[in-house]
């Protein structure tokens, strides 16, 4: 029997998925073919479309600019909902975040005190960009990272030329997928979810989408991130 999909959710990572990776992360822009795809998808009344990024919401929003798209910043801790509504995680999780940041951030910032390594504070995580570092700087950086013993439980996640440290391990893109499904009262028995991404944070979400939701996942890159992922080599494809 062919499954009748009544609803379809689409979730896209931003950097490396909708936007080509660039040397300066501040200059990342959405690929125009990808923006056109988003604009075409949101026209279908049965589709709901999200861009889910570890960037902060205030950083992500001006880079997408498709009003009908849900925007999830901080891996899903912050959301902009079509219609102008803003939502953010608060309460106990935010209290824990502040505690971990205060106890961890100064120590993290000492790790990459090397030429060519850029530190990006995203509130819910901190990204250590190593694309512009020399081979020797990278070697020292990874040795320091291996020796680092954080006071709190955090989660380092790897991406193309970047290490991202999640201050709260449970706030990752799987968390963001769950939130997006709740927003849309998604039932995997009568709908499907499509996810596209390119790094380890995305891989966590991909496994959840495949194993728990029976969805479809795409890796943007040279090699599939998870078993069962379909491969797209560059964002414009």
Protein backbone atom coordinates (compact mmCIF):
# COMPACT_ATOMS: atom_id res chain seq x y z
CA UNK A 1 0.00 0.00 0.00
CA UNK A 2 1.33 3.44 -0.93
CA UNK A 3 1.49 5.82 2.03
CA UNK A 4 -0.69 8.91 1.62
CA UNK A 5 1.34 11.89 2.79
CA UNK A 6 -1.08 14.56 3.96
CA UNK A 7 1.59 16.82 5.42
CA UNK A 8 5.25 17.36 4.60
CA UNK A 9 7.81 19.09 6.79
CA UNK A 10 11.06 20.34 5.27
CA UNK A 11 14.04 21.25 7.48
CA UNK A 12 17.27 22.71 6.08
CA UNK A 13 20.55 23.53 7.80
CA UNK A 14 21.97 26.89 6.67
CA UNK A 15 25.80 26.93 6.47
CA UNK A 16 27.02 24.42 3.92
CA UNK A 17 23.47 23.39 3.02
CA UNK A 18 21.60 26.48 1.83
CA UNK A 19 24.74 28.62 1.84
CA UNK A 20 28.14 27.64 0.43
CA UNK A 21 30.90 27.53 3.04
CA UNK A 22 32.94 30.74 2.82
CA UNK A 23 36.25 31.72 4.48
CA UNK A 24 34.55 34.52 6.45
CA UNK A 25 31.41 33.20 8.20
CA UNK A 26 30.09 36.77 8.46
CA UNK A 27 29.75 36.92 4.68
CA UNK A 28 27.68 33.73 4.29
CA UNK A 29 24.66 34.25 2.05
CA UNK A 30 21.93 31.91 0.89
CA UNK A 31 22.47 30.37 -2.54
CA UNK A 32 19.89 31.92 -4.86
CA UNK A 33 18.81 28.53 -6.23
CA UNK A 34 18.20 27.41 -2.63
CA UNK A 35 16.23 30.55 -1.84
CA UNK A 36 14.07 29.92 -4.90
CA UNK A 37 13.49 26.36 -3.67
CA UNK A 38 12.28 27.65 -0.28
CA UNK A 39 9.98 30.13 -2.00
CA UNK A 40 8.50 27.37 -4.15
CA UNK A 41 8.02 24.98 -1.22
CA UNK A 42 6.15 27.42 1.03
CA UNK A 43 3.49 27.95 -1.65
CA UNK A 44 2.15 24.41 -1.07
CA UNK A 45 -0.45 24.60 1.75
CA UNK A 46 0.49 21.10 2.96
CA UNK A 47 4.16 21.97 3.35
CA UNK A 48 5.87 23.58 6.34
CA UNK A 49 9.45 24.72 5.82
CA UNK A 50 12.15 25.52 8.38
CA UNK A 51 15.76 26.63 8.36
CA UNK A 52 17.44 25.22 11.47
CA UNK A 53 20.88 26.56 12.37
CA UNK A 54 23.24 26.76 15.30
CA UNK A 55 23.63 30.46 14.45
CA UNK A 56 21.72 32.81 16.73
CA UNK A 57 18.30 33.81 15.47
CA UNK A 58 19.33 37.45 15.11
CA UNK A 59 22.24 36.32 12.89
CA UNK A 60 20.19 33.83 10.85
CA UNK A 61 17.10 35.93 10.10
CA UNK A 62 18.61 38.49 7.69
CA UNK A 63 20.35 35.70 5.75
CA UNK A 64 17.13 33.88 4.75
CA UNK A 65 14.38 36.49 4.28
CA UNK A 66 11.58 34.21 3.12
CA UNK A 67 8.69 35.34 5.38
CA UNK A 68 6.76 32.06 5.28
CA UNK A 69 9.75 29.99 6.51
CA UNK A 70 10.14 29.00 10.18
CA UNK A 71 13.59 30.02 11.46
CA UNK A 72 15.25 28.06 14.25
CA UNK A 73 18.37 29.57 15.81
CA UNK A 74 20.59 28.06 18.48
CA UNK A 75 19.81 24.57 17.10
CA UNK A 76 16.14 25.14 17.93
CA UNK A 77 16.37 27.07 21.21
CA UNK A 78 15.10 30.23 19.48
CA UNK A 79 12.37 30.48 16.84
CA UNK A 80 10.86 33.02 14.50
CA UNK A 81 7.39 31.86 13.46
CA UNK A 82 5.73 33.11 10.25
CA UNK A 83 3.50 36.00 11.23
CA UNK A 84 6.14 37.69 13.39
CA UNK A 85 6.04 35.58 16.57
CA UNK A 86 9.31 35.00 18.45
CA UNK A 87 9.81 32.11 20.90
CA UNK A 88 12.79 31.12 23.02
CA UNK A 89 13.68 28.45 25.54
CA UNK A 90 13.47 29.81 29.08
CA UNK A 91 13.14 28.65 32.68
CA UNK A 92 15.35 25.84 33.96
CA UNK A 93 17.19 25.33 30.65
CA UNK A 94 18.11 28.99 30.39
CA UNK A 95 19.25 29.04 34.02
CA UNK A 96 21.49 26.03 33.34
CA UNK A 97 22.82 27.66 30.19
CA UNK A 98 23.86 30.77 32.10
CA UNK A 99 25.57 28.66 34.78
CA UNK A 100 27.48 26.59 32.22
CA UNK A 101 28.49 29.66 30.21
CA UNK A 102 29.86 31.41 33.28
CA UNK A 103 31.84 28.36 34.35
CA UNK A 104 32.98 27.21 30.91
CA UNK A 105 33.35 30.13 28.50
CA UNK A 106 36.58 31.62 29.94
CA UNK A 107 38.24 28.19 29.77
CA UNK A 108 37.06 27.51 26.23
CA UNK A 109 38.40 30.83 24.99
CA UNK A 110 41.89 29.92 26.21
CA UNK A 111 42.00 26.81 23.97
CA UNK A 112 42.26 28.50 20.56
CA UNK A 113 44.68 31.36 21.40
CA UNK A 114 46.46 30.63 18.12
CA UNK A 115 46.86 32.43 14.77
CA UNK A 116 44.02 31.84 12.32
CA UNK A 117 41.47 30.41 14.79
CA UNK A 118 38.25 32.40 15.10
CA UNK A 119 35.91 32.14 18.10
CA UNK A 120 32.17 32.65 17.50
CA UNK A 121 29.85 32.93 20.50
CA UNK A 122 26.33 31.78 19.50
CA UNK A 123 24.87 31.93 23.05
CA UNK A 124 23.75 28.27 23.14
CA UNK A 125 27.07 27.11 21.74
CA UNK A 126 30.50 28.42 20.84
CA UNK A 127 32.12 27.68 17.48
CA UNK A 128 35.89 27.44 17.05
CA UNK A 129 36.63 28.04 13.36
CA UNK A 130 39.94 26.63 12.15
CA UNK A 131 39.68 27.12 8.36
CA UNK A 132 42.27 29.92 8.29
CA UNK A 133 44.69 28.27 10.75
CA UNK A 134 48.02 26.82 9.66
CA UNK A 135 48.63 23.06 9.93
CA UNK A 136 50.82 23.71 12.98
CA UNK A 137 48.13 25.83 14.67
CA UNK A 138 45.55 23.13 14.00
CA UNK A 139 47.82 20.49 15.48
CA UNK A 140 48.30 22.51 18.68
CA UNK A 141 44.59 23.36 18.80
CA UNK A 142 43.46 19.73 18.66
CA UNK A 143 46.03 18.77 21.30
CA UNK A 144 44.69 21.49 23.61
CA UNK A 145 41.11 20.48 22.91
CA UNK A 146 41.92 16.85 23.76
CA UNK A 147 43.57 17.88 27.04
CA UNK A 148 40.74 20.25 28.02
CA UNK A 149 38.63 18.97 30.91
CA UNK A 150 35.42 21.01 31.14
CA UNK A 151 33.86 21.68 34.53
CA UNK A 152 30.37 21.01 33.16
CA UNK A 153 29.06 18.38 30.76
CA UNK A 154 29.22 19.88 27.27
CA UNK A 155 29.21 18.35 23.79
CA UNK A 156 31.80 19.09 21.07
CA UNK A 157 30.40 18.59 17.56
CA UNK A 158 32.48 18.58 14.39
CA UNK A 159 31.71 20.33 11.13
CA UNK A 160 33.72 21.35 8.05
CA UNK A 161 36.73 23.20 9.57
CA UNK A 162 34.88 24.00 12.79
CA UNK A 163 34.39 22.53 16.26
CA UNK A 164 31.15 23.57 17.91
CA UNK A 165 30.76 23.13 21.66
CA UNK A 166 27.14 22.81 22.79
CA UNK A 167 26.79 24.24 26.29
CA UNK A 168 23.76 22.03 26.98
CA UNK A 169 24.20 18.64 25.24
CA UNK A 170 20.44 18.16 24.83
CA UNK A 171 20.08 21.43 22.89
CA UNK A 172 21.09 20.17 19.47
CA UNK A 173 19.32 19.90 16.14
CA UNK A 174 17.37 16.82 17.25
CA UNK A 175 15.84 19.13 19.84
CA UNK A 176 15.07 21.59 17.05
CA UNK A 177 13.39 18.91 14.93
CA UNK A 178 11.19 17.90 17.87
CA UNK A 179 10.13 21.51 18.45
CA UNK A 180 9.30 22.04 14.77
CA UNK A 181 7.20 18.87 14.77
CA UNK A 182 5.33 20.09 17.86
CA UNK A 183 4.64 23.46 16.24
CA UNK A 184 2.98 21.72 13.32
CA UNK A 185 1.33 18.83 15.23
CA UNK A 186 3.21 16.49 12.94
CA UNK A 187 2.12 12.85 12.80
CA UNK A 188 4.68 10.60 11.04
CA UNK A 189 1.90 8.11 10.34
CA UNK A 190 0.17 10.54 8.00
CA UNK A 191 3.02 12.73 6.82
CA UNK A 192 6.72 12.80 6.06
CA UNK A 193 9.71 14.87 7.13
CA UNK A 194 12.68 15.77 4.93
CA UNK A 195 15.94 16.96 6.52
CA UNK A 196 19.10 18.28 4.84
CA UNK A 197 22.41 19.13 6.49
CA UNK A 198 26.19 18.80 6.40
CA UNK A 199 27.78 18.35 9.85
CA UNK A 200 27.77 16.25 13.03
CA UNK A 201 24.98 18.27 14.63
CA UNK A 202 22.88 17.55 11.54
CA UNK A 203 23.82 13.87 11.74
CA UNK A 204 22.21 13.65 15.20
CA UNK A 205 18.98 15.03 13.73
CA UNK A 206 19.23 12.80 10.66
CA UNK A 207 19.39 9.64 12.75
CA UNK A 208 16.33 10.79 14.70
CA UNK A 209 14.43 11.58 11.48
CA UNK A 210 15.28 8.19 9.98
CA UNK A 211 14.82 6.00 13.05
CA UNK A 212 11.94 7.70 14.88
CA UNK A 213 10.01 9.50 12.15
CA UNK A 214 10.64 7.33 9.09
CA UNK A 215 11.65 10.42 7.14
CA UNK A 216 14.08 11.26 4.35
CA UNK A 217 17.52 12.84 4.87
CA UNK A 218 20.05 14.47 2.56
CA UNK A 219 23.75 15.08 3.19
CA UNK A 220 25.29 18.04 1.38
CA UNK A 221 28.91 17.05 0.82
CA UNK A 222 31.16 14.32 -0.50
CA UNK A 223 30.11 11.49 1.82
CA UNK A 224 26.81 10.60 3.54
CA UNK A 225 26.78 11.60 7.21
CA UNK A 226 24.59 8.67 8.24
CA UNK A 227 23.53 5.35 6.75
CA UNK A 228 20.42 5.86 4.67
CA UNK A 229 21.22 9.46 3.76
CA UNK A 230 20.94 10.61 0.16
CA UNK A 231 23.85 12.65 -1.19
CA UNK A 232 23.90 16.14 -2.73
CA UNK A 233 27.40 17.44 -3.46
CA UNK A 234 26.80 21.21 -3.40
CA UNK A 235 24.00 23.47 -2.09
CA UNK A 236 22.76 24.58 -5.52
CA UNK A 237 21.95 20.98 -6.47
